[in-house]
Amino acid sequence: MQMYKKKKLNTIAATAFLSLLALVFFLVSCKETPPTTLEVTVVTANGTILSDAKVWLVAEPTDTAHNLIAVEDSTVSNASGKAYFDLSSFYKPGQIGVMQVKVKGFYFGLTGEALAEITEQERNQVLLQIQ
């Protein structure tokens, strides 16, 4: 009769261990990936922050046969001279590498350009000087 009790305890322990393992796997796999963002700070040549400047992102792939992703987005800088872009939708799961995006700005006849390197799942920043 003692063998029966040990066998039952081993079954319960194995079931509890497998349940705990499944729970840990579930919690780890549900972890949300951080967004890929770009923060553009718009300034003049003398360093004055510009609000309400129009900011465009333009990127075209060098190989359009295999990579059809093209970035075209625009917004206006806020009172702090910052324009924010969420680029998470341009990355595929598991994709690795850096994307280069041309940042263009316009403010009452003044223009400027900058090149931003975007790293996946990070808050990327670039300074856009308008002259």
C-alpha atoms as a PDB file:
ATOM      1  CA  MET A   1       0.000   0.000   0.000  1.00  0.00           C
ATOM      2  CA  GLN A   2       2.920   2.350   0.548  1.00  0.00           C
ATOM      3  CA  MET A   3       3.963   2.122  -3.137  1.00  0.00           C
ATOM      4  CA  TYR A   4       0.550   3.410  -4.144  1.00  0.00           C
ATOM      5  CA  LYS A   5       0.957   6.596  -2.096  1.00  0.00           C
ATOM      6  CA  LYS A   6       4.444   7.325  -3.509  1.00  0.00           C
ATOM      7  CA  LYS A   7       3.206   6.851  -7.061  1.00  0.00           C
ATOM      8  CA  LYS A   8       0.324   9.276  -6.418  1.00  0.00           C
ATOM      9  CA  LEU A   9       2.719  11.887  -4.958  1.00  0.00           C
ATOM     10  CA  ASN A  10       5.057  11.577  -7.950  1.00  0.00           C
ATOM     11  CA  THR A  11       2.142  12.119 -10.335  1.00  0.00           C
ATOM     12  CA  ILE A  12       0.984  15.194  -8.437  1.00  0.00           C
ATOM     13  CA  ALA A  13       4.528  16.613  -8.319  1.00  0.00           C
ATOM     14  CA  ALA A  14       5.040  16.033 -12.039  1.00  0.00           C
ATOM     15  CA  THR A  15       1.690  17.663 -12.870  1.00  0.00           C
ATOM     16  CA  ALA A  16       2.479  20.668 -10.657  1.00  0.00           C
ATOM     17  CA  PHE A  17       5.927  21.065 -12.238  1.00  0.00           C
ATOM     18  CA  LEU A  18       4.539  20.906 -15.783  1.00  0.00           C
ATOM     19  CA  SER A  19       1.805  23.393 -14.869  1.00  0.00           C
ATOM     20  CA  LEU A  20       4.385  25.797 -13.423  1.00  0.00           C
ATOM     21  CA  LEU A  21       6.559  25.402 -16.518  1.00  0.00           C
ATOM     22  CA  ALA A  22       3.581  26.120 -18.795  1.00  0.00           C
ATOM     23  CA  LEU A  23       2.688  29.209 -16.749  1.00  0.00           C
ATOM     24  CA  VAL A  24       6.240  30.602 -16.957  1.00  0.00           C
ATOM     25  CA  PHE A  25       6.356  29.966 -20.715  1.00  0.00           C
ATOM     26  CA  PHE A  26       3.001  31.713 -21.147  1.00  0.00           C
ATOM     27  CA  LEU A  27       4.091  34.768 -19.157  1.00  0.00           C
ATOM     28  CA  VAL A  28       7.386  35.095 -21.041  1.00  0.00           C
ATOM     29  CA  SER A  29       5.795  34.677 -24.467  1.00  0.00           C
ATOM     30  CA  CYS A  30       3.165  37.355 -23.753  1.00  0.00           C
ATOM     31  CA  LYS A  31       5.788  40.024 -23.097  1.00  0.00           C
ATOM     32  CA  GLU A  32       5.035  43.059 -25.236  1.00  0.00           C
ATOM     33  CA  THR A  33       7.872  44.297 -27.409  1.00  0.00           C
ATOM     34  CA  PRO A  34       8.884  47.933 -26.935  1.00  0.00           C
ATOM     35  CA  PRO A  35       7.886  50.318 -29.727  1.00  0.00           C
ATOM     36  CA  THR A  36      10.254  51.669 -32.357  1.00  0.00           C
ATOM     37  CA  THR A  37       9.971  55.459 -32.230  1.00  0.00           C
ATOM     38  CA  LEU A  38      11.709  58.515 -33.622  1.00  0.00           C
ATOM     39  CA  GLU A  39      11.871  61.844 -31.819  1.00  0.00           C
ATOM     40  CA  VAL A  40      12.848  64.786 -34.046  1.00  0.00           C
ATOM     41  CA  THR A  41      13.949  68.043 -32.383  1.00  0.00           C
ATOM     42  CA  VAL A  42      13.569  71.011 -34.752  1.00  0.00           C
ATOM     43  CA  VAL A  43      15.892  73.992 -34.260  1.00  0.00           C
ATOM     44  CA  THR A  44      17.234  76.940 -36.247  1.00  0.00           C
ATOM     45  CA  ALA A  45      20.924  77.450 -37.097  1.00  0.00           C
ATOM     46  CA  ASN A  46      21.402  79.487 -33.888  1.00  0.00           C
ATOM     47  CA  GLY A  47      19.691  76.822 -31.722  1.00  0.00           C
ATOM     48  CA  THR A  48      16.227  78.363 -31.344  1.00  0.00           C
ATOM     49  CA  ILE A  49      13.564  75.691 -30.867  1.00  0.00           C
ATOM     50  CA  LEU A  50      10.839  75.791 -33.533  1.00  0.00           C
ATOM     51  CA  SER A  51       7.266  74.827 -32.776  1.00  0.00           C
ATOM     52  CA  ASP A  52       4.709  74.207 -35.530  1.00  0.00           C
ATOM     53  CA  ALA A  53       7.372  73.213 -38.060  1.00  0.00           C
ATOM     54  CA  LYS A  54       6.277  70.619 -40.635  1.00  0.00           C
ATOM     55  CA  VAL A  55       8.393  67.447 -40.408  1.00  0.00           C
ATOM     56  CA  TRP A  56       8.419  64.656 -43.040  1.00  0.00           C
ATOM     57  CA  LEU A  57       9.951  61.199 -42.946  1.00  0.00           C
ATOM     58  CA  VAL A  58      10.961  59.763 -46.297  1.00  0.00           C
ATOM     59  CA  ALA A  59      12.619  56.397 -46.872  1.00  0.00           C
ATOM     60  CA  GLU A  60      12.623  54.240 -49.933  1.00  0.00           C
ATOM     61  CA  PRO A  61      14.184  50.788 -50.011  1.00  0.00           C
ATOM     62  CA  THR A  62      17.238  50.309 -52.209  1.00  0.00           C
ATOM     63  CA  ASP A  63      15.917  46.914 -53.365  1.00  0.00           C
ATOM     64  CA  THR A  64      12.241  47.300 -54.293  1.00  0.00           C
ATOM     65  CA  ALA A  65      11.996  43.779 -55.724  1.00  0.00           C
ATOM     66  CA  HIS A  66      12.478  42.112 -52.314  1.00  0.00           C
ATOM     67  CA  ASN A  67      11.683  44.929 -49.899  1.00  0.00           C
ATOM     68  CA  LEU A  68       8.514  46.880 -50.597  1.00  0.00           C
ATOM     69  CA  ILE A  69       8.565  48.918 -47.365  1.00  0.00           C
ATOM     70  CA  ALA A  70       8.592  52.659 -47.975  1.00  0.00           C
ATOM     71  CA  VAL A  71       8.193  55.139 -45.152  1.00  0.00           C
ATOM     72  CA  GLU A  72       6.221  58.292 -45.803  1.00  0.00           C
ATOM     73  CA  ASP A  73       4.847  60.125 -42.781  1.00  0.00           C
ATOM     74  CA  SER A  74       4.551  63.703 -41.563  1.00  0.00           C
ATOM     75  CA  THR A  75       3.579  65.678 -38.491  1.00  0.00           C
ATOM     76  CA  VAL A  76       4.069  69.093 -36.882  1.00  0.00           C
ATOM     77  CA  SER A  77       6.509  69.831 -34.060  1.00  0.00           C
ATOM     78  CA  ASN A  78       4.984  70.642 -30.670  1.00  0.00           C
ATOM     79  CA  ALA A  79       5.690  73.626 -28.371  1.00  0.00           C
ATOM     80  CA  SER A  80       8.979  71.985 -27.314  1.00  0.00           C
ATOM     81  CA  GLY A  81      10.079  71.718 -30.954  1.00  0.00           C
ATOM     82  CA  LYS A  82       9.666  67.947 -30.971  1.00  0.00           C
ATOM     83  CA  ALA A  83       7.931  65.776 -33.545  1.00  0.00           C
ATOM     84  CA  TYR A  84       7.197  62.133 -32.707  1.00  0.00           C
ATOM     85  CA  PHE A  85       6.842  59.160 -35.055  1.00  0.00           C
ATOM     86  CA  ASP A  86       5.932  55.539 -34.248  1.00  0.00           C
ATOM     87  CA  LEU A  87       7.758  53.280 -36.717  1.00  0.00           C
ATOM     88  CA  SER A  88       6.839  49.925 -35.148  1.00  0.00           C
ATOM     89  CA  SER A  89       4.635  48.936 -38.080  1.00  0.00           C
ATOM     90  CA  PHE A  90       7.590  49.084 -40.479  1.00  0.00           C
ATOM     91  CA  TYR A  91       9.466  46.251 -38.756  1.00  0.00           C
ATOM     92  CA  LYS A  92       8.548  42.602 -39.194  1.00  0.00           C
ATOM     93  CA  PRO A  93       8.855  40.217 -36.212  1.00  0.00           C
ATOM     94  CA  GLY A  94      12.427  38.928 -35.983  1.00  0.00           C
ATOM     95  CA  GLN A  95      13.787  41.535 -38.387  1.00  0.00           C
ATOM     96  CA  ILE A  96      17.238  42.738 -37.442  1.00  0.00           C
ATOM     97  CA  GLY A  97      19.126  45.761 -38.619  1.00  0.00           C
ATOM     98  CA  VAL A  98      19.090  49.502 -38.904  1.00  0.00           C
ATOM     99  CA  MET A  99      16.775  51.477 -41.166  1.00  0.00           C
ATOM    100  CA  GLN A 100      17.866  54.853 -42.494  1.00  0.00           C
ATOM    101  CA  VAL A 101      15.226  57.542 -42.837  1.00  0.00           C
ATOM    102  CA  LYS A 102      15.569  60.991 -44.359  1.00  0.00           C
ATOM    103  CA  VAL A 103      13.994  63.668 -42.152  1.00  0.00           C
ATOM    104  CA  LYS A 104      12.896  66.870 -43.885  1.00  0.00           C
ATOM    105  CA  GLY A 105      11.578  70.021 -42.267  1.00  0.00           C
ATOM    106  CA  PHE A 106       9.846  73.216 -43.377  1.00  0.00           C
ATOM    107  CA  TYR A 107       9.095  76.379 -41.424  1.00  0.00           C
ATOM    108  CA  PHE A 108       7.913  79.565 -43.187  1.00  0.00           C
ATOM    109  CA  GLY A 109      10.348  79.338 -46.107  1.00  0.00           C
ATOM    110  CA  LEU A 110      13.173  77.767 -44.097  1.00  0.00           C
ATOM    111  CA  THR A 111      14.088  74.149 -44.866  1.00  0.00           C
ATOM    112  CA  GLY A 112      16.402  71.470 -43.562  1.00  0.00           C
ATOM    113  CA  GLU A 113      17.284  67.799 -43.881  1.00  0.00           C
ATOM    114  CA  ALA A 114      18.844  65.184 -41.624  1.00  0.00           C
ATOM    115  CA  LEU A 115      19.502  61.473 -41.815  1.00  0.00           C
ATOM    116  CA  ALA A 116      18.267  59.286 -38.958  1.00  0.00           C
ATOM    117  CA  GLU A 117      19.327  55.708 -38.270  1.00  0.00           C
ATOM    118  CA  ILE A 118      16.428  53.794 -36.747  1.00  0.00           C
ATOM    119  CA  THR A 119      17.188  50.859 -34.463  1.00  0.00           C
ATOM    120  CA  GLU A 120      14.320  48.471 -33.805  1.00  0.00           C
ATOM    121  CA  GLN A 121      12.532  48.609 -30.426  1.00  0.00           C
ATOM    122  CA  GLU A 122      14.324  51.770 -29.300  1.00  0.00           C
ATOM    123  CA  ARG A 123      13.556  55.443 -28.849  1.00  0.00           C
ATOM    124  CA  ASN A 124      15.625  56.981 -31.627  1.00  0.00           C
ATOM    125  CA  GLN A 125      16.436  60.700 -31.710  1.00  0.00           C
ATOM    126  CA  VAL A 126      17.638  63.153 -34.348  1.00  0.00           C
ATOM    127  CA  LEU A 127      18.289  66.906 -34.417  1.00  0.00           C
ATOM    128  CA  LEU A 128      16.851  68.674 -37.476  1.00  0.00           C
ATOM    129  CA  GLN A 129      18.408  72.055 -38.173  1.00  0.00           C
ATOM    130  CA  ILE A 130      16.298  74.357 -40.358  1.00  0.00           C
ATOM    131  CA  GLN A 131      17.935  77.317 -42.150  1.00  0.00           C
END
